[in-house]
Amino acid sequence: MTTPAPSLSLQESARPLLDFYQRGGVEPPELLPIDGAAMPEPYRSLLVHDGDMTPTLEKYHKDRIHLRLLTRETTESAYNREVILEAGEANNPVEFGAIAIHLEHFPEATHELILGESVPLGTILEDYNILHQSCPQAYFQVQSDPLITEAFGLNESTGLYGRCNIHRDPEGNHLAEIVEILPPEHCAQG
């Protein structure tokens, strides 16, 4: 599948993350746009592609990825959650994410697993052979705020990199809008 050109601005595509902050009455961290080609390694290899993050992180870390739920909310339009993806039995944090999932576009058989809040969406898409296209919209730098700093187990605010992505089905429906932030390189060693 080819990736279409981004159709949303950074602020629009970061809506899953920004909405959590807004609902919590907390100022979100500033997301600074960055060209994917300018992103340093290993972040460029991990973020600048049109693949799913879960298998990308599993390959990089050579371990299975599982999900730890931070918060969730259901709105009229989506099932929203903030999560940490963790690698292996050591539960090493490998991604902070915010995602808006549109259950109406998923097979009924996947709903219980999605709502079970332990299996990453990328694993479900792969295990159920759900045809989709990963469409990165924007790449960014961000200085970790207290929430992200704590989620990654950092001692201080740290410069991080991330991307905003949309999963679309073959009809063009949004399966999910996702904001993905990776930990510092020393924490993200594969």
Protein backbone atom coordinates (compact mmCIF):
# COMPACT_ATOMS: atom_id res chain seq x y z
CA MET A 1 0.00 0.00 0.00
CA THR A 2 1.19 3.49 -0.73
CA THR A 3 0.87 6.19 1.87
CA PRO A 4 -1.24 9.21 0.91
CA ALA A 5 0.05 12.67 1.62
CA PRO A 6 -0.75 13.90 5.12
CA SER A 7 -4.16 15.53 5.24
CA LEU A 8 -4.09 17.02 8.75
CA SER A 9 -1.96 19.61 10.51
CA LEU A 10 0.12 18.63 13.53
CA GLN A 11 -2.45 20.14 15.91
CA GLU A 12 -5.35 18.38 14.16
CA SER A 13 -3.58 15.03 13.98
CA ALA A 14 -2.45 15.28 17.63
CA ARG A 15 -6.08 15.61 18.75
CA PRO A 16 -6.17 12.24 20.63
CA LEU A 17 -3.38 13.45 22.93
CA LEU A 18 -4.47 17.08 23.17
CA ASP A 19 -8.06 16.08 24.01
CA PHE A 20 -6.90 14.08 27.06
CA TYR A 21 -5.05 17.11 28.37
CA GLN A 22 -7.98 19.42 27.65
CA ARG A 23 -10.48 17.13 29.42
CA GLY A 24 -8.11 16.94 32.40
CA GLY A 25 -7.71 20.72 32.51
CA VAL A 26 -3.95 20.38 32.09
CA GLU A 27 -1.76 22.34 29.68
CA PRO A 28 -0.36 19.92 27.07
CA PRO A 29 3.32 19.85 26.22
CA GLU A 30 4.27 21.84 23.12
CA LEU A 31 4.61 19.68 20.02
CA LEU A 32 7.20 21.08 17.63
CA PRO A 33 6.94 19.88 14.03
CA ILE A 34 10.00 18.19 12.56
CA ASP A 35 10.66 16.81 9.11
CA GLY A 36 10.92 13.04 9.28
CA ALA A 37 14.24 13.09 7.40
CA ALA A 38 15.69 15.41 10.06
CA MET A 39 14.81 13.09 12.93
CA PRO A 40 17.88 11.45 14.51
CA GLU A 41 18.32 7.69 14.70
CA PRO A 42 17.02 5.43 16.08
CA TYR A 43 13.84 7.52 16.11
CA ARG A 44 13.80 7.99 12.34
CA SER A 45 13.85 4.21 11.74
CA LEU A 46 11.24 3.63 14.44
CA LEU A 47 8.84 6.44 13.49
CA VAL A 48 9.32 7.52 9.87
CA HIS A 49 7.61 4.72 7.94
CA ASP A 50 4.11 3.71 6.92
CA GLY A 51 4.03 0.56 9.04
CA ASP A 52 2.39 -0.19 12.36
CA MET A 53 4.32 0.66 15.52
CA THR A 54 3.67 -2.54 17.47
CA PRO A 55 5.48 -4.88 15.05
CA THR A 56 8.16 -2.24 14.48
CA LEU A 57 8.82 -2.01 18.22
CA GLU A 58 8.70 -5.79 18.65
CA LYS A 59 11.33 -6.23 15.95
CA TYR A 60 13.53 -3.47 17.41
CA HIS A 61 13.29 -4.68 21.00
CA LYS A 62 13.25 -8.38 20.05
CA ASP A 63 10.37 -8.94 22.45
CA ARG A 64 6.57 -9.01 22.60
CA ILE A 65 4.82 -5.73 23.28
CA HIS A 66 1.88 -5.40 25.64
CA LEU A 67 -0.26 -2.50 26.77
CA ARG A 68 -0.59 -0.75 30.12
CA LEU A 69 -3.64 1.50 30.32
CA LEU A 70 -3.23 4.96 31.84
CA THR A 71 -6.66 6.48 31.17
CA ARG A 72 -9.70 5.78 29.02
CA GLU A 73 -12.81 7.58 27.91
CA THR A 74 -15.64 6.78 25.57
CA THR A 75 -17.21 9.56 23.55
CA GLU A 76 -19.95 9.47 20.91
CA SER A 77 -17.34 9.19 18.18
CA ALA A 78 -14.58 6.98 19.64
CA TYR A 79 -13.13 4.83 22.38
CA ASN A 80 -10.13 6.85 23.59
CA ARG A 81 -7.21 5.72 25.70
CA GLU A 82 -3.78 6.82 26.85
CA VAL A 83 -1.37 3.92 27.13
CA ILE A 84 2.18 2.82 27.66
CA LEU A 85 3.41 0.06 25.39
CA GLU A 86 5.83 -2.15 27.29
CA ALA A 87 8.31 -4.75 26.08
CA GLY A 88 8.67 -8.21 27.57
CA GLU A 89 8.37 -9.47 31.11
CA ALA A 90 10.52 -6.58 32.37
CA ASN A 91 7.73 -4.18 31.29
CA ASN A 92 10.22 -1.73 29.75
CA PRO A 93 8.26 1.29 28.47
CA VAL A 94 8.79 1.64 24.73
CA GLU A 95 5.99 4.04 23.73
CA PHE A 96 3.59 6.54 25.27
CA GLY A 97 0.47 6.74 23.17
CA ALA A 98 -2.93 8.36 22.89
CA ILE A 99 -5.42 6.77 20.55
CA ALA A 100 -8.98 7.29 19.37
CA ILE A 101 -10.39 3.97 18.15
CA HIS A 102 -13.54 3.84 16.01
CA LEU A 103 -15.03 0.48 17.01
CA GLU A 104 -17.79 0.65 14.40
CA HIS A 105 -15.17 -0.01 11.69
CA PHE A 106 -13.74 -3.10 13.40
CA PRO A 107 -15.07 -6.66 13.19
CA GLU A 108 -17.36 -7.45 16.12
CA ALA A 109 -15.00 -10.27 17.12
CA THR A 110 -12.28 -7.73 18.00
CA HIS A 111 -14.33 -5.42 20.23
CA GLU A 112 -13.89 -7.43 23.43
CA LEU A 113 -10.14 -7.65 22.86
CA ILE A 114 -9.84 -3.92 22.14
CA LEU A 115 -11.91 -3.04 25.20
CA GLY A 116 -9.94 -5.57 27.28
CA GLU A 117 -7.15 -2.97 27.34
CA SER A 118 -4.14 -5.28 27.41
CA VAL A 119 -3.40 -6.06 23.76
CA PRO A 120 -1.98 -3.30 21.54
CA LEU A 121 -4.12 -2.31 18.57
CA GLY A 122 -1.28 -3.22 16.18
CA THR A 123 -1.31 -6.79 17.49
CA ILE A 124 -5.08 -7.03 17.03
CA LEU A 125 -4.84 -5.67 13.47
CA GLU A 126 -2.18 -8.27 12.67
CA ASP A 127 -3.78 -11.23 14.48
CA TYR A 128 -7.18 -10.64 12.86
CA ASN A 129 -5.73 -9.82 9.42
CA ILE A 130 -7.60 -6.52 9.34
CA LEU A 131 -6.79 -4.76 6.10
CA HIS A 132 -5.67 -1.22 6.79
CA GLN A 133 -3.25 1.47 5.79
CA SER A 134 -0.99 3.29 8.22
CA CYS A 135 -0.90 6.96 7.21
CA PRO A 136 1.58 9.09 9.19
CA GLN A 137 0.38 12.70 9.32
CA ALA A 138 3.13 14.53 11.22
CA TYR A 139 6.38 14.06 13.12
CA PHE A 140 7.31 16.13 16.14
CA GLN A 141 9.68 16.86 19.00
CA VAL A 142 8.31 17.30 22.51
CA GLN A 143 9.77 18.07 25.91
CA SER A 144 8.29 15.52 28.30
CA ASP A 145 5.85 16.97 30.81
CA PRO A 146 5.24 15.40 34.27
CA LEU A 147 2.79 12.81 32.87
CA ILE A 148 5.09 11.56 30.11
CA THR A 149 8.20 11.86 32.31
CA GLU A 150 6.57 9.64 34.95
CA ALA A 151 5.15 7.21 32.37
CA PHE A 152 8.65 6.57 31.02
CA GLY A 153 10.20 6.43 34.51
CA LEU A 154 12.49 9.38 33.78
CA ASN A 155 14.15 11.49 36.46
CA GLU A 156 13.61 14.77 34.61
CA SER A 157 11.93 16.35 31.63
CA THR A 158 13.56 15.07 28.46
CA GLY A 159 13.41 15.86 24.75
CA LEU A 160 11.50 13.15 22.89
CA TYR A 161 10.24 12.39 19.38
CA GLY A 162 6.91 11.17 18.11
CA ARG A 163 4.47 10.91 15.27
CA CYS A 164 0.78 11.30 14.58
CA ASN A 165 -0.73 8.49 12.54
CA ILE A 166 -4.08 7.39 11.13
CA HIS A 167 -5.11 3.80 10.43
CA ARG A 168 -7.59 3.67 7.54
CA ASP A 169 -9.54 0.71 6.21
CA PRO A 170 -9.72 0.03 2.43
CA GLU A 171 -12.85 2.21 2.19
CA GLY A 172 -10.98 5.16 3.73
CA ASN A 173 -12.73 5.02 7.11
CA HIS A 174 -10.60 5.97 10.08
CA LEU A 175 -10.00 2.90 12.23
CA ALA A 176 -7.91 4.95 14.66
CA GLU A 177 -6.05 8.22 15.11
CA ILE A 178 -2.87 7.75 17.10
CA VAL A 179 -0.17 9.87 18.74
CA GLU A 180 2.99 7.87 19.44
CA ILE A 181 5.91 9.17 21.55
CA LEU A 182 9.09 7.18 22.09
CA PRO A 183 11.30 7.24 25.20
CA PRO A 184 14.85 8.61 25.18
CA GLU A 185 17.38 6.62 23.18
CA HIS A 186 19.05 5.22 26.31
CA CYS A 187 15.68 3.77 27.34
CA ALA A 188 14.76 2.63 23.84
CA GLN A 189 17.79 0.46 23.12
CA GLY A 190 16.91 -2.58 21.10
